[in-house]
PDB file of N, CA and C in Angstrom:
ATOM      1  N   UNK A   1     191.483  35.639  51.342  1.00  0.00           N
ATOM      2  CA  UNK A   1     190.175  36.061  51.759  1.00  0.00           C
ATOM      3  C   UNK A   1     190.039  36.068  53.135  1.00  0.00           C
ATOM      4  N   UNK A   2     189.771  37.239  53.755  1.00  0.00           N
ATOM      5  CA  UNK A   2     189.552  37.267  55.373  1.00  0.00           C
ATOM      6  C   UNK A   2     188.271  37.140  55.811  1.00  0.00           C
ATOM      7  N   UNK A   3     188.134  36.578  57.114  1.00  0.00           N
ATOM      8  CA  UNK A   3     187.318  36.244  57.944  1.00  0.00           C
ATOM      9  C   UNK A   3     186.188  37.756  58.218  1.00  0.00           C
ATOM     10  N   UNK A   4     185.268  37.670  58.073  1.00  0.00           N
ATOM     11  CA  UNK A   4     184.270  38.718  58.601  1.00  0.00           C
ATOM     12  C   UNK A   4     184.019  38.498  60.004  1.00  0.00           C
ATOM     13  N   UNK A   5     183.709  39.363  60.699  1.00  0.00           N
ATOM     14  CA  UNK A   5     183.436  39.188  62.289  1.00  0.00           C
ATOM     15  C   UNK A   5     182.047  40.055  62.729  1.00  0.00           C
ATOM     16  N   UNK A   6     181.319  39.492  63.483  1.00  0.00           N
ATOM     17  CA  UNK A   6     180.078  39.986  63.917  1.00  0.00           C
ATOM     18  C   UNK A   6     180.433  40.121  65.377  1.00  0.00           C
ATOM     19  N   UNK A   7     180.378  41.265  66.164  1.00  0.00           N
ATOM     20  CA  UNK A   7     180.552  41.204  67.675  1.00  0.00           C
ATOM     21  C   UNK A   7     179.004  41.464  68.208  1.00  0.00           C
ATOM     22  N   UNK A   8     178.548  40.279  68.551  1.00  0.00           N
ATOM     23  CA  UNK A   8     177.095  40.303  68.966  1.00  0.00           C
ATOM     24  C   UNK A   8     177.042  40.077  70.525  1.00  0.00           C
ATOM     25  N   UNK A   9     177.912  40.385  71.342  1.00  0.00           N
ATOM     26  CA  UNK A   9     178.336  40.473  72.622  1.00  0.00           C
ATOM     27  C   UNK A   9     176.898  41.014  73.417  1.00  0.00           C
ATOM     28  N   UNK A  10     176.428  40.839  74.365  1.00  0.00           N
ATOM     29  CA  UNK A  10     175.307  41.500  75.166  1.00  0.00           C
ATOM     30  C   UNK A  10     174.321  41.501  74.336  1.00  0.00           C
ATOM     31  N   UNK A  11     173.716  40.698  73.322  1.00  0.00           N
ATOM     32  CA  UNK A  11     172.740  40.773  72.595  1.00  0.00           C
ATOM     33  C   UNK A  11     171.841  39.494  72.819  1.00  0.00           C
ATOM     34  N   UNK A  12     170.618  39.561  73.249  1.00  0.00           N
ATOM     35  CA  UNK A  12     169.894  38.342  73.362  1.00  0.00           C
ATOM     36  C   UNK A  12     169.446  37.701  72.233  1.00  0.00           C
ATOM     37  N   UNK A  13     169.107  36.397  72.447  1.00  0.00           N
ATOM     38  CA  UNK A  13     168.594  35.367  71.279  1.00  0.00           C
ATOM     39  C   UNK A  13     167.449  36.079  70.866  1.00  0.00           C
ATOM     40  N   UNK A  14     167.114  35.957  69.653  1.00  0.00           N
ATOM     41  CA  UNK A  14     167.662  35.523  68.409  1.00  0.00           C
ATOM     42  C   UNK A  14     168.634  36.689  67.649  1.00  0.00           C
ATOM     43  N   UNK A  15     168.746  37.743  68.367  1.00  0.00           N
ATOM     44  CA  UNK A  15     169.484  38.893  67.504  1.00  0.00           C
ATOM     45  C   UNK A  15     170.782  38.458  67.033  1.00  0.00           C
ATOM     46  N   UNK A  16     171.606  37.874  67.490  1.00  0.00           N
ATOM     47  CA  UNK A  16     173.172  37.254  67.001  1.00  0.00           C
ATOM     48  C   UNK A  16     172.698  36.390  65.728  1.00  0.00           C
ATOM     49  N   UNK A  17     171.853  35.456  65.674  1.00  0.00           N
ATOM     50  CA  UNK A  17     171.490  34.818  64.602  1.00  0.00           C
ATOM     51  C   UNK A  17     170.918  35.495  63.309  1.00  0.00           C
ATOM     52  N   UNK A  18     169.952  36.414  63.869  1.00  0.00           N
ATOM     53  CA  UNK A  18     169.500  37.263  62.702  1.00  0.00           C
ATOM     54  C   UNK A  18     170.618  38.412  62.052  1.00  0.00           C
ATOM     55  N   UNK A  19     171.572  38.878  63.108  1.00  0.00           N
ATOM     56  CA  UNK A  19     172.556  39.866  62.511  1.00  0.00           C
ATOM     57  C   UNK A  19     173.239  38.800  61.347  1.00  0.00           C
ATOM     58  N   UNK A  20     173.655  37.594  61.851  1.00  0.00           N
ATOM     59  CA  UNK A  20     174.515  36.865  61.011  1.00  0.00           C
ATOM     60  C   UNK A  20     173.817  36.475  59.726  1.00  0.00           C
ATOM     61  N   UNK A  21     172.456  35.936  59.834  1.00  0.00           N
ATOM     62  CA  UNK A  21     171.676  35.700  58.814  1.00  0.00           C
ATOM     63  C   UNK A  21     171.955  36.778  57.570  1.00  0.00           C
ATOM     64  N   UNK A  22     171.801  38.188  57.902  1.00  0.00           N
ATOM     65  CA  UNK A  22     171.788  38.987  57.071  1.00  0.00           C
ATOM     66  C   UNK A  22     173.137  39.356  56.314  1.00  0.00           C
ATOM     67  N   UNK A  23     174.230  39.330  57.201  1.00  0.00           N
ATOM     68  CA  UNK A  23     175.601  39.320  56.623  1.00  0.00           C
ATOM     69  C   UNK A  23     175.778  38.180  55.659  1.00  0.00           C
ATOM     70  N   UNK A  24     175.676  36.708  55.918  1.00  0.00           N
ATOM     71  CA  UNK A  24     175.734  36.046  55.179  1.00  0.00           C
ATOM     72  C   UNK A  24     175.094  35.744  54.023  1.00  0.00           C
ATOM     73  N   UNK A  25     173.854  36.521  53.716  1.00  0.00           N
ATOM     74  CA  UNK A  25     173.176  36.585  52.396  1.00  0.00           C
ATOM     75  C   UNK A  25     174.029  37.209  51.422  1.00  0.00           C
ATOM     76  N   UNK A  26     175.035  38.318  51.880  1.00  0.00           N
ATOM     77  CA  UNK A  26     175.605  39.045  50.935  1.00  0.00           C
ATOM     78  C   UNK A  26     177.302  38.312  50.760  1.00  0.00           C
ATOM     79  N   UNK A  27     177.435  37.268  51.292  1.00  0.00           N
ATOM     80  CA  UNK A  27     178.778  36.642  51.121  1.00  0.00           C
ATOM     81  C   UNK A  27     178.497  35.456  50.093  1.00  0.00           C
ATOM     82  N   UNK A  28     179.988  35.204  49.535  1.00  0.00           N
ATOM     83  CA  UNK A  28     179.991  34.176  48.652  1.00  0.00           C
ATOM     84  C   UNK A  28     180.148  32.857  49.237  1.00  0.00           C
ATOM     85  N   UNK A  29     180.040  31.757  48.533  1.00  0.00           N
ATOM     86  CA  UNK A  29     180.217  30.416  48.939  1.00  0.00           C
ATOM     87  C   UNK A  29     181.365  30.092  49.098  1.00  0.00           C
ATOM     88  N   UNK A  30     181.922  29.563  50.318  1.00  0.00           N
ATOM     89  CA  UNK A  30     183.056  29.227  50.939  1.00  0.00           C
ATOM     90  C   UNK A  30     183.589  30.338  52.007  1.00  0.00           C
ATOM     91  N   UNK A  31     183.250  31.469  52.114  1.00  0.00           N
ATOM     92  CA  UNK A  31     183.703  32.502  52.905  1.00  0.00           C
ATOM     93  C   UNK A  31     183.228  32.199  54.504  1.00  0.00           C
ATOM     94  N   UNK A  32     183.850  32.647  55.139  1.00  0.00           N
ATOM     95  CA  UNK A  32     183.440  32.485  56.571  1.00  0.00           C
ATOM     96  C   UNK A  32     183.195  33.677  57.323  1.00  0.00           C
ATOM     97  N   UNK A  33     182.160  33.470  58.380  1.00  0.00           N
ATOM     98  CA  UNK A  33     181.755  34.781  59.284  1.00  0.00           C
ATOM     99  C   UNK A  33     181.827  33.933  60.630  1.00  0.00           C
ATOM    100  N   UNK A  34     182.768  34.952  61.560  1.00  0.00           N
ATOM    101  CA  UNK A  34     183.034  34.638  62.996  1.00  0.00           C
ATOM    102  C   UNK A  34     181.925  35.597  63.523  1.00  0.00           C
ATOM    103  N   UNK A  35     181.351  34.884  64.598  1.00  0.00           N
ATOM    104  CA  UNK A  35     180.090  35.696  65.352  1.00  0.00           C
ATOM    105  C   UNK A  35     180.613  35.467  66.789  1.00  0.00           C
ATOM    106  N   UNK A  36     180.569  36.468  67.499  1.00  0.00           N
ATOM    107  CA  UNK A  36     181.043  36.498  69.068  1.00  0.00           C
ATOM    108  C   UNK A  36     179.334  36.993  69.872  1.00  0.00           C
ATOM    109  N   UNK A  37     179.333  36.171  70.916  1.00  0.00           N
ATOM    110  CA  UNK A  37     178.032  36.310  71.655  1.00  0.00           C
ATOM    111  C   UNK A  37     178.241  35.836  72.983  1.00  0.00           C
ATOM    112  N   UNK A  38     177.519  36.426  73.687  1.00  0.00           N
ATOM    113  CA  UNK A  38     177.578  36.024  75.230  1.00  0.00           C
ATOM    114  C   UNK A  38     176.349  35.250  75.932  1.00  0.00           C
ATOM    115  N   UNK A  39     175.088  35.358  74.865  1.00  0.00           N
ATOM    116  CA  UNK A  39     173.997  34.848  75.506  1.00  0.00           C
ATOM    117  C   UNK A  39     174.148  33.368  75.351  1.00  0.00           C
ATOM    118  N   UNK A  40     174.062  32.340  76.059  1.00  0.00           N
ATOM    119  CA  UNK A  40     174.275  30.851  76.167  1.00  0.00           C
ATOM    120  C   UNK A  40     173.480  30.308  75.273  1.00  0.00           C
ATOM    121  N   UNK A  41     172.037  30.783  74.914  1.00  0.00           N
ATOM    122  CA  UNK A  41     171.194  30.467  73.889  1.00  0.00           C
ATOM    123  C   UNK A  41     171.801  30.375  72.380  1.00  0.00           C
ATOM    124  N   UNK A  42     172.766  31.088  72.242  1.00  0.00           N
ATOM    125  CA  UNK A  42     173.555  31.260  70.767  1.00  0.00           C
ATOM    126  C   UNK A  42     173.834  29.769  70.408  1.00  0.00           C
ATOM    127  N   UNK A  43     174.219  29.021  71.473  1.00  0.00           N
ATOM    128  CA  UNK A  43     174.922  28.002  71.079  1.00  0.00           C
ATOM    129  C   UNK A  43     174.070  26.746  70.133  1.00  0.00           C
ATOM    130  N   UNK A  44     172.762  26.627  70.755  1.00  0.00           N
ATOM    131  CA  UNK A  44     171.685  25.871  70.227  1.00  0.00           C
ATOM    132  C   UNK A  44     171.118  26.734  68.776  1.00  0.00           C
ATOM    133  N   UNK A  45     170.998  27.983  68.697  1.00  0.00           N
ATOM    134  CA  UNK A  45     170.610  28.849  67.897  1.00  0.00           C
ATOM    135  C   UNK A  45     171.382  28.833  66.771  1.00  0.00           C
ATOM    136  N   UNK A  46     172.895  28.600  66.736  1.00  0.00           N
ATOM    137  CA  UNK A  46     173.799  28.594  65.499  1.00  0.00           C
ATOM    138  C   UNK A  46     173.662  27.232  65.085  1.00  0.00           C
ATOM    139  N   UNK A  47     173.772  26.100  65.916  1.00  0.00           N
ATOM    140  CA  UNK A  47     173.429  24.756  65.576  1.00  0.00           C
ATOM    141  C   UNK A  47     172.423  24.686  64.740  1.00  0.00           C
ATOM    142  N   UNK A  48     171.151  25.243  65.232  1.00  0.00           N
ATOM    143  CA  UNK A  48     169.977  24.824  64.468  1.00  0.00           C
ATOM    144  C   UNK A  48     169.895  25.513  63.010  1.00  0.00           C
ATOM    145  N   UNK A  49     170.380  26.922  63.373  1.00  0.00           N
ATOM    146  CA  UNK A  49     170.358  27.744  61.945  1.00  0.00           C
ATOM    147  C   UNK A  49     171.098  27.180  60.992  1.00  0.00           C
ATOM    148  N   UNK A  50     172.435  26.569  61.221  1.00  0.00           N
ATOM    149  CA  UNK A  50     173.200  26.043  60.256  1.00  0.00           C
ATOM    150  C   UNK A  50     172.745  24.594  59.897  1.00  0.00           C
ATOM    151  N   UNK A  51     171.908  23.836  60.592  1.00  0.00           N
ATOM    152  CA  UNK A  51     171.357  22.519  60.167  1.00  0.00           C
ATOM    153  C   UNK A  51     170.229  22.927  59.121  1.00  0.00           C
ATOM    154  N   UNK A  52     169.405  24.156  59.423  1.00  0.00           N
ATOM    155  CA  UNK A  52     168.405  24.485  58.477  1.00  0.00           C
ATOM    156  C   UNK A  52     168.863  25.189  57.289  1.00  0.00           C
ATOM    157  N   UNK A  53     169.776  26.118  57.376  1.00  0.00           N
ATOM    158  CA  UNK A  53     170.102  26.842  56.009  1.00  0.00           C
ATOM    159  C   UNK A  53     171.182  25.964  55.297  1.00  0.00           C
ATOM    160  N   UNK A  54     171.929  25.126  55.793  1.00  0.00           N
ATOM    161  CA  UNK A  54     172.834  24.275  54.985  1.00  0.00           C
ATOM    162  C   UNK A  54     174.019  24.934  54.956  1.00  0.00           C
ATOM    163  N   UNK A  55     174.519  25.984  55.885  1.00  0.00           N
ATOM    164  CA  UNK A  55     175.686  26.632  56.136  1.00  0.00           C
ATOM    165  C   UNK A  55     176.541  25.705  57.224  1.00  0.00           C
ATOM    166  N   UNK A  56     177.777  25.656  57.011  1.00  0.00           N
ATOM    167  CA  UNK A  56     178.517  24.848  58.068  1.00  0.00           C
ATOM    168  C   UNK A  56     178.916  25.524  59.105  1.00  0.00           C
ATOM    169  N   UNK A  57     178.789  24.906  60.339  1.00  0.00           N
ATOM    170  CA  UNK A  57     179.237  25.468  61.596  1.00  0.00           C
ATOM    171  C   UNK A  57     180.487  24.583  61.846  1.00  0.00           C
ATOM    172  N   UNK A  58     181.534  25.526  61.458  1.00  0.00           N
ATOM    173  CA  UNK A  58     182.920  24.899  61.517  1.00  0.00           C
ATOM    174  C   UNK A  58     183.544  24.736  62.619  1.00  0.00           C
ATOM    175  N   UNK A  59     183.384  25.873  63.497  1.00  0.00           N
ATOM    176  CA  UNK A  59     183.983  25.871  64.944  1.00  0.00           C
ATOM    177  C   UNK A  59     182.863  26.806  65.865  1.00  0.00           C
ATOM    178  N   UNK A  60     182.985  26.026  67.142  1.00  0.00           N
ATOM    179  CA  UNK A  60     182.258  26.790  68.112  1.00  0.00           C
ATOM    180  C   UNK A  60     182.979  26.575  69.367  1.00  0.00           C
ATOM    181  N   UNK A  61     183.247  27.682  70.065  1.00  0.00           N
ATOM    182  CA  UNK A  61     184.213  27.611  71.406  1.00  0.00           C
ATOM    183  C   UNK A  61     183.522  28.531  72.312  1.00  0.00           C
ATOM    184  N   UNK A  62     183.992  28.511  73.533  1.00  0.00           N
ATOM    185  CA  UNK A  62     183.670  29.320  74.835  1.00  0.00           C
ATOM    186  C   UNK A  62     184.687  29.840  75.749  1.00  0.00           C
ATOM    187  N   UNK A  63     185.260  31.023  75.929  1.00  0.00           N
ATOM    188  CA  UNK A  63     186.046  31.429  76.501  1.00  0.00           C
ATOM    189  C   UNK A  63     185.838  32.689  77.552  1.00  0.00           C
ATOM    190  N   UNK A  64     185.826  32.558  78.693  1.00  0.00           N
ATOM    191  CA  UNK A  64     185.624  33.642  79.506  1.00  0.00           C
ATOM    192  C   UNK A  64     184.210  34.305  79.342  1.00  0.00           C
ATOM    193  N   UNK A  65     183.072  33.292  79.215  1.00  0.00           N
ATOM    194  CA  UNK A  65     181.658  33.729  78.865  1.00  0.00           C
ATOM    195  C   UNK A  65     181.386  34.351  77.586  1.00  0.00           C
ATOM    196  N   UNK A  66     182.486  34.410  76.589  1.00  0.00           N
ATOM    197  CA  UNK A  66     181.969  34.606  75.156  1.00  0.00           C
ATOM    198  C   UNK A  66     182.218  33.569  74.200  1.00  0.00           C
ATOM    199  N   UNK A  67     181.325  33.374  73.756  1.00  0.00           N
ATOM    200  CA  UNK A  67     180.902  32.071  72.738  1.00  0.00           C
ATOM    201  C   UNK A  67     181.370  32.603  71.376  1.00  0.00           C
ATOM    202  N   UNK A  68     182.246  31.820  70.594  1.00  0.00           N
ATOM    203  CA  UNK A  68     182.610  32.225  69.257  1.00  0.00           C
ATOM    204  C   UNK A  68     182.260  31.332  68.388  1.00  0.00           C
ATOM    205  N   UNK A  69     181.466  31.520  67.344  1.00  0.00           N
ATOM    206  CA  UNK A  69     181.207  30.764  66.256  1.00  0.00           C
ATOM    207  C   UNK A  69     181.698  31.105  64.825  1.00  0.00           C
ATOM    208  N   UNK A  70     182.248  29.881  64.099  1.00  0.00           N
ATOM    209  CA  UNK A  70     182.555  30.230  62.847  1.00  0.00           C
ATOM    210  C   UNK A  70     181.718  29.484  61.781  1.00  0.00           C
ATOM    211  N   UNK A  71     181.315  30.186  60.744  1.00  0.00           N
ATOM    212  CA  UNK A  71     179.947  29.674  59.809  1.00  0.00           C
ATOM    213  C   UNK A  71     180.534  29.963  58.306  1.00  0.00           C
ATOM    214  N   UNK A  72     180.900  28.763  57.768  1.00  0.00           N
ATOM    215  CA  UNK A  72     181.270  28.641  56.413  1.00  0.00           C
ATOM    216  C   UNK A  72     179.968  28.786  55.475  1.00  0.00           C
ATOM    217  N   UNK A  73     179.924  29.543  54.502  1.00  0.00           N
ATOM    218  CA  UNK A  73     178.665  29.823  53.646  1.00  0.00           C
ATOM    219  C   UNK A  73     178.543  28.774  52.698  1.00  0.00           C
ATOM    220  N   UNK A  74     177.428  28.252  52.556  1.00  0.00           N
ATOM    221  CA  UNK A  74     177.201  26.784  51.776  1.00  0.00           C
ATOM    222  C   UNK A  74     177.437  27.359  50.316  1.00  0.00           C
ATOM    223  N   UNK A  75     177.595  26.139  49.563  1.00  0.00           N
ATOM    224  CA  UNK A  75     177.844  26.188  48.156  1.00  0.00           C
ATOM    225  C   UNK A  75     176.726  26.576  47.439  1.00  0.00           C
ATOM    226  N   UNK A  76     176.873  27.115  46.465  1.00  0.00           N
ATOM    227  CA  UNK A  76     175.453  27.740  45.778  1.00  0.00           C
ATOM    228  C   UNK A  76     174.704  26.389  45.418  1.00  0.00           C
ATOM    229  N   UNK A  77     173.459  26.469  45.233  1.00  0.00           N
ATOM    230  CA  UNK A  77     172.801  25.346  44.804  1.00  0.00           C
ATOM    231  C   UNK A  77     172.546  25.548  43.356  1.00  0.00           C
ATOM    232  N   UNK A  78     172.970  24.570  42.330  1.00  0.00           N
ATOM    233  CA  UNK A  78     172.791  24.930  40.803  1.00  0.00           C
ATOM    234  C   UNK A  78     171.339  24.739  40.767  1.00  0.00           C
TER     235      UNK A  78
END
């Protein structure tokens, strides 16, 4: 299973989270989505988004002004 990637660099909050939410809806439980963003607000946005939705923020890093987030789709609720 390959990781999907969204390049949301140079997009302001909340666009990176909104784009990720749209893609995550079509993904299966356990799949991962990586998002690249340059808006520093994305750090708090993805932390809060995962807390509210139940998806797992499995990695978050920054290099050269580019933030990278890896979100794992939550297990389906029975």
